[in-house]
Amino acid sequence: MIRKLCLGMRHPYHDINDYFLEDNIEVKEPLDLFHKWFQVVKTDTRTVEPNAMCLSTCTKDGYPSARFVLLKGYSKEGFIFFTHYSSRKGQQLAENPRAALTFYWEHYSRSVRIEGDVEKLPLRMQISTLETDLIRVRLELYVVIKANLYLAEMR
């Protein structure tokens, strides 16, 4: 039995004239649009962690799991984030090397969904990247998601 309902909490959305339609996208290349949005969001002082993203994985049996991680870099080759290979997410990625990432930037009513295959970065890239980010020099290693990029603006 549901004891607490969350009805009536929904924020009112704009009318149909404010919908985010493909015709309204000024940058058609998804990664370029992500970059444009990310540059705006990361300079906005209201955004605490602009690179926070929800990483969703599944076990080999299809049981889903989601947690927040931080984006460490991105390019046409993929999106980079840290993980411990022995962690739950690291084990799930080893069993089922597919994942989804979701960014949500509340102040802009925008979300970005990225889906794709995940692979470990080559060791030389892991080492060179670790050398440039000394705060993260622990047993954390990188994973890159080679992805299909979906952009959505929620209005």
N, C-alpha and C. Protein backbone atom coordinates (compact mmCIF):
# COMPACT_ATOMS: atom_id res chain seq x y z
N MET A 1 0.83 -1.18 0.00
CA MET A 1 0.00 0.00 0.00
C MET A 1 0.89 1.25 0.00
N ILE A 2 0.58 2.20 -0.85
CA ILE A 2 1.33 3.45 -0.92
C ILE A 2 0.87 4.35 0.22
N ARG A 3 1.81 4.76 1.04
CA ARG A 3 1.46 5.57 2.21
C ARG A 3 1.61 7.07 1.95
N LYS A 4 2.56 7.44 1.15
CA LYS A 4 2.77 8.87 0.85
C LYS A 4 2.68 9.06 -0.66
N LEU A 5 1.82 9.92 -1.07
CA LEU A 5 1.68 10.22 -2.49
C LEU A 5 2.39 11.53 -2.80
N CYS A 6 2.90 11.63 -3.98
CA CYS A 6 3.61 12.83 -4.40
C CYS A 6 2.79 13.59 -5.44
N LEU A 7 1.51 13.44 -5.40
CA LEU A 7 0.65 14.13 -6.34
C LEU A 7 0.67 15.62 -6.06
N GLY A 8 0.47 16.40 -7.08
CA GLY A 8 0.41 17.85 -6.91
C GLY A 8 1.75 18.52 -6.77
N MET A 9 2.83 17.79 -6.92
CA MET A 9 4.17 18.38 -6.79
C MET A 9 4.76 18.80 -8.13
N ARG A 10 4.15 18.38 -9.20
CA ARG A 10 4.70 18.63 -10.53
C ARG A 10 4.74 20.12 -10.82
N HIS A 11 5.88 20.56 -11.31
CA HIS A 11 6.07 21.94 -11.72
C HIS A 11 5.32 22.16 -13.03
N PRO A 12 4.57 23.23 -13.17
CA PRO A 12 3.83 23.44 -14.42
C PRO A 12 4.79 23.68 -15.59
N TYR A 13 4.50 23.04 -16.70
CA TYR A 13 5.31 23.21 -17.90
C TYR A 13 4.73 24.32 -18.75
N HIS A 14 5.52 24.76 -19.70
CA HIS A 14 5.09 25.82 -20.60
C HIS A 14 4.05 25.30 -21.59
N ASP A 15 3.50 26.19 -22.35
CA ASP A 15 2.51 25.76 -23.34
C ASP A 15 3.21 25.19 -24.57
N ILE A 16 2.43 24.75 -25.52
CA ILE A 16 2.95 24.06 -26.70
C ILE A 16 3.92 24.91 -27.50
N ASN A 17 3.82 26.22 -27.43
CA ASN A 17 4.73 27.10 -28.17
C ASN A 17 6.15 27.06 -27.63
N ASP A 18 6.34 26.56 -26.42
CA ASP A 18 7.67 26.50 -25.82
C ASP A 18 8.32 25.13 -25.93
N TYR A 19 7.69 24.20 -26.63
CA TYR A 19 8.27 22.86 -26.75
C TYR A 19 9.61 22.92 -27.47
N PHE A 20 10.47 22.02 -27.07
CA PHE A 20 11.79 21.89 -27.68
C PHE A 20 11.65 20.95 -28.87
N LEU A 21 11.70 21.49 -30.05
CA LEU A 21 11.54 20.71 -31.27
C LEU A 21 12.83 20.72 -32.06
N GLU A 22 13.03 19.68 -32.85
CA GLU A 22 14.26 19.57 -33.63
C GLU A 22 14.47 20.79 -34.52
N ASP A 23 13.38 21.35 -35.04
CA ASP A 23 13.51 22.54 -35.89
C ASP A 23 14.11 23.72 -35.14
N ASN A 24 13.99 23.73 -33.82
CA ASN A 24 14.50 24.84 -33.01
C ASN A 24 15.95 24.67 -32.57
N ILE A 25 16.56 23.55 -32.91
CA ILE A 25 17.95 23.29 -32.50
C ILE A 25 18.88 24.04 -33.45
N GLU A 26 19.69 24.92 -32.89
CA GLU A 26 20.59 25.72 -33.72
C GLU A 26 21.85 24.95 -34.11
N VAL A 27 22.21 23.91 -33.37
CA VAL A 27 23.38 23.08 -33.67
C VAL A 27 22.87 21.66 -33.88
N LYS A 28 23.03 21.13 -35.08
CA LYS A 28 22.42 19.82 -35.40
C LYS A 28 23.28 18.63 -34.98
N GLU A 29 24.59 18.80 -34.88
CA GLU A 29 25.48 17.71 -34.45
C GLU A 29 25.31 17.53 -32.94
N PRO A 30 24.87 16.34 -32.48
CA PRO A 30 24.59 16.14 -31.05
C PRO A 30 25.76 16.47 -30.12
N LEU A 31 26.97 16.05 -30.46
CA LEU A 31 28.10 16.33 -29.57
C LEU A 31 28.41 17.83 -29.51
N ASP A 32 28.27 18.52 -30.63
CA ASP A 32 28.48 19.96 -30.64
C ASP A 32 27.43 20.67 -29.81
N LEU A 33 26.19 20.20 -29.86
CA LEU A 33 25.13 20.79 -29.05
C LEU A 33 25.39 20.51 -27.57
N PHE A 34 25.81 19.27 -27.25
CA PHE A 34 26.17 18.96 -25.86
C PHE A 34 27.26 19.92 -25.39
N HIS A 35 28.29 20.12 -26.20
CA HIS A 35 29.39 21.00 -25.83
C HIS A 35 28.88 22.43 -25.58
N LYS A 36 28.03 22.91 -26.46
CA LYS A 36 27.48 24.26 -26.30
C LYS A 36 26.71 24.37 -24.98
N TRP A 37 25.83 23.41 -24.73
CA TRP A 37 25.05 23.43 -23.50
C TRP A 37 25.96 23.32 -22.27
N PHE A 38 26.94 22.41 -22.34
CA PHE A 38 27.83 22.18 -21.20
C PHE A 38 28.62 23.45 -20.86
N GLN A 39 29.07 24.18 -21.89
CA GLN A 39 29.82 25.42 -21.64
C GLN A 39 28.95 26.43 -20.91
N VAL A 40 27.69 26.51 -21.25
CA VAL A 40 26.77 27.44 -20.58
C VAL A 40 26.54 27.00 -19.14
N VAL A 41 26.23 25.72 -18.95
CA VAL A 41 25.89 25.20 -17.63
C VAL A 41 27.08 25.29 -16.67
N LYS A 42 28.28 24.99 -17.15
CA LYS A 42 29.43 24.96 -16.24
C LYS A 42 29.86 26.35 -15.78
N THR A 43 29.44 27.39 -16.48
CA THR A 43 29.78 28.74 -16.05
C THR A 43 28.68 29.38 -15.21
N ASP A 44 27.58 28.69 -15.04
CA ASP A 44 26.46 29.20 -14.25
C ASP A 44 26.70 28.86 -12.78
N THR A 45 26.80 29.85 -11.94
CA THR A 45 27.11 29.62 -10.52
C THR A 45 25.99 28.88 -9.78
N ARG A 46 24.82 28.81 -10.37
CA ARG A 46 23.72 28.06 -9.73
C ARG A 46 23.95 26.55 -9.85
N THR A 47 24.76 26.14 -10.79
CA THR A 47 24.99 24.72 -11.02
C THR A 47 26.17 24.26 -10.18
N VAL A 48 25.91 23.40 -9.21
CA VAL A 48 26.94 22.95 -8.28
C VAL A 48 27.90 21.97 -8.95
N GLU A 49 27.39 20.97 -9.60
CA GLU A 49 28.22 19.96 -10.27
C GLU A 49 27.73 19.79 -11.71
N PRO A 50 28.14 20.64 -12.62
CA PRO A 50 27.64 20.54 -14.00
C PRO A 50 28.03 19.23 -14.68
N ASN A 51 29.09 18.59 -14.20
CA ASN A 51 29.54 17.33 -14.80
C ASN A 51 28.98 16.10 -14.09
N ALA A 52 28.06 16.29 -13.14
CA ALA A 52 27.42 15.14 -12.49
C ALA A 52 26.47 14.49 -13.47
N MET A 53 26.53 13.18 -13.52
CA MET A 53 25.66 12.43 -14.44
C MET A 53 25.28 11.12 -13.80
N CYS A 54 24.11 10.66 -14.14
CA CYS A 54 23.64 9.37 -13.64
C CYS A 54 24.14 8.29 -14.58
N LEU A 55 24.88 7.35 -14.04
CA LEU A 55 25.39 6.21 -14.81
C LEU A 55 24.47 5.03 -14.53
N SER A 56 23.85 4.50 -15.57
CA SER A 56 22.97 3.35 -15.43
C SER A 56 23.59 2.14 -16.10
N THR A 57 23.66 1.05 -15.36
CA THR A 57 24.21 -0.20 -15.86
C THR A 57 23.22 -1.32 -15.54
N CYS A 58 23.49 -2.49 -16.08
CA CYS A 58 22.68 -3.68 -15.78
C CYS A 58 23.61 -4.87 -15.56
N THR A 59 23.16 -5.78 -14.73
CA THR A 59 23.89 -7.04 -14.58
C THR A 59 23.71 -7.85 -15.85
N LYS A 60 24.43 -8.95 -15.96
CA LYS A 60 24.27 -9.80 -17.14
C LYS A 60 22.86 -10.38 -17.21
N ASP A 61 22.16 -10.42 -16.07
CA ASP A 61 20.79 -10.91 -16.04
C ASP A 61 19.77 -9.81 -16.26
N GLY A 62 20.22 -8.57 -16.45
CA GLY A 62 19.32 -7.49 -16.77
C GLY A 62 18.80 -6.69 -15.59
N TYR A 63 19.36 -6.89 -14.39
CA TYR A 63 18.93 -6.09 -13.25
C TYR A 63 19.61 -4.73 -13.31
N PRO A 64 18.83 -3.65 -13.35
CA PRO A 64 19.41 -2.31 -13.51
C PRO A 64 19.95 -1.74 -12.20
N SER A 65 20.87 -0.82 -12.36
CA SER A 65 21.46 -0.12 -11.23
C SER A 65 21.86 1.27 -11.73
N ALA A 66 21.66 2.28 -10.90
CA ALA A 66 22.02 3.65 -11.29
C ALA A 66 22.70 4.33 -10.12
N ARG A 67 23.66 5.18 -10.43
CA ARG A 67 24.36 5.97 -9.44
C ARG A 67 24.96 7.18 -10.14
N PHE A 68 25.31 8.20 -9.36
CA PHE A 68 25.89 9.40 -9.94
C PHE A 68 27.40 9.33 -9.91
N VAL A 69 27.99 9.74 -11.03
CA VAL A 69 29.44 9.83 -11.18
C VAL A 69 29.74 11.18 -11.83
N LEU A 70 31.00 11.51 -11.92
CA LEU A 70 31.39 12.78 -12.53
C LEU A 70 32.04 12.55 -13.89
N LEU A 71 31.61 13.32 -14.85
CA LEU A 71 32.23 13.31 -16.18
C LEU A 71 33.63 13.86 -16.05
N LYS A 72 34.61 13.17 -16.63
CA LYS A 72 36.00 13.62 -16.57
C LYS A 72 36.49 14.18 -17.89
N GLY A 73 35.77 13.89 -18.96
CA GLY A 73 36.15 14.40 -20.27
C GLY A 73 35.23 13.84 -21.33
N TYR A 74 35.23 14.48 -22.49
CA TYR A 74 34.42 13.97 -23.59
C TYR A 74 35.02 14.44 -24.91
N SER A 75 34.75 13.67 -25.93
CA SER A 75 35.18 13.98 -27.29
C SER A 75 34.34 13.11 -28.22
N LYS A 76 34.64 13.16 -29.49
CA LYS A 76 33.92 12.30 -30.45
C LYS A 76 34.16 10.82 -30.16
N GLU A 77 35.24 10.50 -29.43
CA GLU A 77 35.53 9.11 -29.09
C GLU A 77 34.66 8.60 -27.95
N GLY A 78 34.14 9.50 -27.13
CA GLY A 78 33.29 9.05 -26.05
C GLY A 78 33.34 9.95 -24.83
N PHE A 79 32.74 9.48 -23.77
CA PHE A 79 32.64 10.20 -22.50
C PHE A 79 33.42 9.43 -21.46
N ILE A 80 34.24 10.13 -20.67
CA ILE A 80 35.14 9.47 -19.73
C ILE A 80 34.68 9.72 -18.30
N PHE A 81 34.72 8.65 -17.50
CA PHE A 81 34.41 8.77 -16.07
C PHE A 81 35.26 7.77 -15.32
N PHE A 82 35.39 7.99 -13.99
CA PHE A 82 36.15 7.10 -13.12
C PHE A 82 35.29 5.96 -12.63
N THR A 83 35.91 4.82 -12.39
CA THR A 83 35.28 3.75 -11.63
C THR A 83 36.35 2.82 -11.09
N HIS A 84 36.05 2.15 -10.00
CA HIS A 84 36.88 1.06 -9.51
C HIS A 84 36.41 -0.19 -10.24
N TYR A 85 37.33 -0.92 -10.81
CA TYR A 85 36.92 -2.14 -11.53
C TYR A 85 36.29 -3.16 -10.60
N SER A 86 36.64 -3.14 -9.32
CA SER A 86 36.09 -4.12 -8.38
C SER A 86 34.78 -3.66 -7.75
N SER A 87 34.35 -2.43 -8.03
CA SER A 87 33.09 -1.93 -7.47
C SER A 87 31.91 -2.61 -8.15
N ARG A 88 30.75 -2.41 -7.60
CA ARG A 88 29.53 -2.98 -8.18
C ARG A 88 29.37 -2.53 -9.64
N LYS A 89 29.54 -1.23 -9.89
CA LYS A 89 29.38 -0.77 -11.27
C LYS A 89 30.49 -1.30 -12.16
N GLY A 90 31.71 -1.39 -11.63
CA GLY A 90 32.80 -1.95 -12.42
C GLY A 90 32.55 -3.40 -12.79
N GLN A 91 32.01 -4.17 -11.85
CA GLN A 91 31.68 -5.57 -12.13
C GLN A 91 30.54 -5.68 -13.14
N GLN A 92 29.54 -4.80 -12.99
CA GLN A 92 28.43 -4.82 -13.94
C GLN A 92 28.91 -4.46 -15.34
N LEU A 93 29.81 -3.49 -15.44
CA LEU A 93 30.33 -3.11 -16.76
C LEU A 93 31.18 -4.22 -17.37
N ALA A 94 31.86 -4.99 -16.53
CA ALA A 94 32.64 -6.12 -17.04
C ALA A 94 31.71 -7.21 -17.56
N GLU A 95 30.59 -7.44 -16.86
CA GLU A 95 29.61 -8.46 -17.28
C GLU A 95 28.80 -8.02 -18.49
N ASN A 96 28.46 -6.76 -18.52
CA ASN A 96 27.57 -6.23 -19.53
C ASN A 96 28.09 -4.84 -19.92
N PRO A 97 28.96 -4.77 -20.92
CA PRO A 97 29.64 -3.50 -21.23
C PRO A 97 28.79 -2.49 -22.01
N ARG A 98 27.60 -2.25 -21.51
CA ARG A 98 26.71 -1.23 -22.07
C ARG A 98 26.20 -0.38 -20.92
N ALA A 99 26.00 0.90 -21.19
CA ALA A 99 25.55 1.79 -20.13
C ALA A 99 24.81 2.97 -20.72
N ALA A 100 24.17 3.70 -19.83
CA ALA A 100 23.53 4.97 -20.20
C ALA A 100 23.98 6.03 -19.20
N LEU A 101 24.18 7.22 -19.70
CA LEU A 101 24.49 8.38 -18.88
C LEU A 101 23.36 9.37 -19.04
N THR A 102 23.00 10.04 -17.96
CA THR A 102 21.97 11.08 -18.05
C THR A 102 22.44 12.29 -17.26
N PHE A 103 22.45 13.43 -17.94
CA PHE A 103 22.70 14.72 -17.30
C PHE A 103 21.35 15.39 -17.13
N TYR A 104 21.17 16.09 -16.01
CA TYR A 104 19.98 16.91 -15.83
C TYR A 104 20.41 18.25 -15.27
N TRP A 105 20.12 19.29 -16.02
CA TRP A 105 20.49 20.65 -15.62
C TRP A 105 19.20 21.42 -15.35
N GLU A 106 18.81 21.41 -14.08
CA GLU A 106 17.53 21.94 -13.65
C GLU A 106 17.28 23.38 -14.08
N HIS A 107 18.26 24.24 -13.90
CA HIS A 107 18.06 25.66 -14.17
C HIS A 107 17.81 25.94 -15.64
N TYR A 108 18.12 25.00 -16.48
CA TYR A 108 17.91 25.17 -17.92
C TYR A 108 16.81 24.25 -18.45
N SER A 109 16.21 23.46 -17.56
CA SER A 109 15.18 22.49 -17.95
C SER A 109 15.67 21.62 -19.10
N ARG A 110 16.91 21.18 -18.98
CA ARG A 110 17.51 20.36 -20.04
C ARG A 110 18.04 19.06 -19.46
N SER A 111 17.92 18.03 -20.28
CA SER A 111 18.55 16.76 -19.95
C SER A 111 19.21 16.21 -21.20
N VAL A 112 20.25 15.43 -20.98
CA VAL A 112 20.97 14.79 -22.07
C VAL A 112 21.10 13.32 -21.71
N ARG A 113 20.74 12.45 -22.65
CA ARG A 113 20.86 11.00 -22.44
C ARG A 113 21.86 10.46 -23.44
N ILE A 114 22.78 9.65 -22.94
CA ILE A 114 23.83 9.06 -23.75
C ILE A 114 23.77 7.56 -23.52
N GLU A 115 23.75 6.79 -24.58
CA GLU A 115 23.71 5.33 -24.46
C GLU A 115 24.79 4.73 -25.35
N GLY A 116 25.40 3.65 -24.89
CA GLY A 116 26.38 3.02 -25.75
C GLY A 116 27.20 1.96 -25.08
N ASP A 117 28.18 1.48 -25.82
CA ASP A 117 29.09 0.45 -25.35
C ASP A 117 30.19 1.11 -24.51
N VAL A 118 30.65 0.39 -23.50
CA VAL A 118 31.66 0.90 -22.57
C VAL A 118 32.91 0.06 -22.72
N GLU A 119 34.06 0.72 -22.66
CA GLU A 119 35.34 0.00 -22.70
C GLU A 119 36.34 0.71 -21.81
N LYS A 120 37.33 -0.05 -21.36
CA LYS A 120 38.41 0.54 -20.58
C LYS A 120 39.30 1.34 -21.51
N LEU A 121 39.80 2.44 -20.99
CA LEU A 121 40.78 3.20 -21.75
C LEU A 121 42.09 2.44 -21.79
N PRO A 122 42.89 2.62 -22.85
CA PRO A 122 44.22 2.02 -22.86
C PRO A 122 45.03 2.52 -21.67
N LEU A 123 45.88 1.68 -21.12
CA LEU A 123 46.65 2.01 -19.93
C LEU A 123 47.42 3.31 -20.07
N ARG A 124 48.04 3.55 -21.23
CA ARG A 124 48.82 4.79 -21.40
C ARG A 124 47.93 6.02 -21.27
N MET A 125 46.66 5.94 -21.71
CA MET A 125 45.75 7.07 -21.54
C MET A 125 45.33 7.22 -20.09
N GLN A 126 45.17 6.09 -19.40
CA GLN A 126 44.82 6.15 -17.98
C GLN A 126 45.91 6.86 -17.21
N ILE A 127 47.16 6.49 -17.47
CA ILE A 127 48.29 7.06 -16.75
C ILE A 127 48.44 8.54 -17.06
N SER A 128 48.37 8.92 -18.34
CA SER A 128 48.54 10.33 -18.68
C SER A 128 47.40 11.17 -18.12
N THR A 129 46.20 10.63 -18.10
CA THR A 129 45.07 11.37 -17.55
C THR A 129 45.22 11.48 -16.04
N LEU A 130 45.66 10.43 -15.38
CA LEU A 130 45.86 10.49 -13.93
C LEU A 130 46.92 11.53 -13.56
N GLU A 131 47.95 11.65 -14.39
CA GLU A 131 48.99 12.62 -14.09
C GLU A 131 48.47 14.05 -14.13
N THR A 132 47.41 14.30 -14.90
CA THR A 132 46.87 15.66 -15.00
C THR A 132 45.79 15.93 -13.96
N ASP A 133 45.39 14.91 -13.22
CA ASP A 133 44.33 15.09 -12.22
C ASP A 133 44.77 14.40 -10.93
N LEU A 134 45.73 14.99 -10.26
CA LEU A 134 46.36 14.36 -9.10
C LEU A 134 45.39 14.10 -7.95
N ILE A 135 44.31 14.84 -7.89
CA ILE A 135 43.32 14.61 -6.83
C ILE A 135 42.77 13.19 -6.92
N ARG A 136 42.69 12.66 -8.10
CA ARG A 136 42.07 11.35 -8.32
C ARG A 136 43.08 10.21 -8.41
N VAL A 137 44.31 10.43 -8.00
CA VAL A 137 45.31 9.37 -8.11
C VAL A 137 45.10 8.38 -6.96
N ARG A 138 44.13 7.56 -7.10
CA ARG A 138 43.87 6.44 -6.21
C ARG A 138 43.82 5.22 -7.10
N LEU A 139 43.06 4.23 -6.71
CA LEU A 139 42.93 3.05 -7.57
C LEU A 139 41.84 3.24 -8.61
N GLU A 140 41.37 4.46 -8.75
CA GLU A 140 40.32 4.73 -9.71
C GLU A 140 40.87 4.65 -11.12
N LEU A 141 40.11 4.07 -11.98
CA LEU A 141 40.51 3.95 -13.37
C LEU A 141 39.38 4.48 -14.23
N TYR A 142 39.68 4.68 -15.46
CA TYR A 142 38.73 5.30 -16.36
C TYR A 142 38.00 4.28 -17.22
N VAL A 143 36.82 4.66 -17.56
CA VAL A 143 36.05 3.91 -18.53
C VAL A 143 35.52 4.95 -19.51
N VAL A 144 35.47 4.59 -20.76
CA VAL A 144 34.93 5.50 -21.76
C VAL A 144 33.67 4.86 -22.35
N ILE A 145 32.67 5.65 -22.54
CA ILE A 145 31.46 5.15 -23.17
C ILE A 145 31.41 5.71 -24.59
N LYS A 146 31.44 4.80 -25.55
CA LYS A 146 31.29 5.18 -26.94
C LYS A 146 29.81 5.14 -27.21
N ALA A 147 29.25 6.27 -27.56
CA ALA A 147 27.84 6.42 -27.33
C ALA A 147 27.05 6.99 -28.48
N ASN A 148 25.78 6.71 -28.39
CA ASN A 148 24.79 7.47 -29.14
C ASN A 148 24.35 8.58 -28.19
N LEU A 149 24.25 9.77 -28.67
CA LEU A 149 23.94 10.92 -27.83
C LEU A 149 22.53 11.38 -28.13
N TYR A 150 21.74 11.50 -27.07
CA TYR A 150 20.37 11.99 -27.20
C TYR A 150 20.27 13.26 -26.38
N LEU A 151 19.75 14.27 -26.97
CA LEU A 151 19.59 15.54 -26.28
C LEU A 151 18.10 15.84 -26.17
N ALA A 152 17.72 16.30 -25.03
CA ALA A 152 16.31 16.65 -24.85
C ALA A 152 16.23 17.89 -23.98
N GLU A 153 15.29 18.71 -24.28
CA GLU A 153 15.02 19.87 -23.43
C GLU A 153 13.60 19.68 -22.93
N MET A 154 13.45 19.66 -21.64
CA MET A 154 12.14 19.40 -21.06
C MET A 154 11.43 20.72 -20.85
N ARG A 155 10.40 20.95 -21.59
CA ARG A 155 9.62 22.18 -21.46
C ARG A 155 8.16 21.84 -21.46
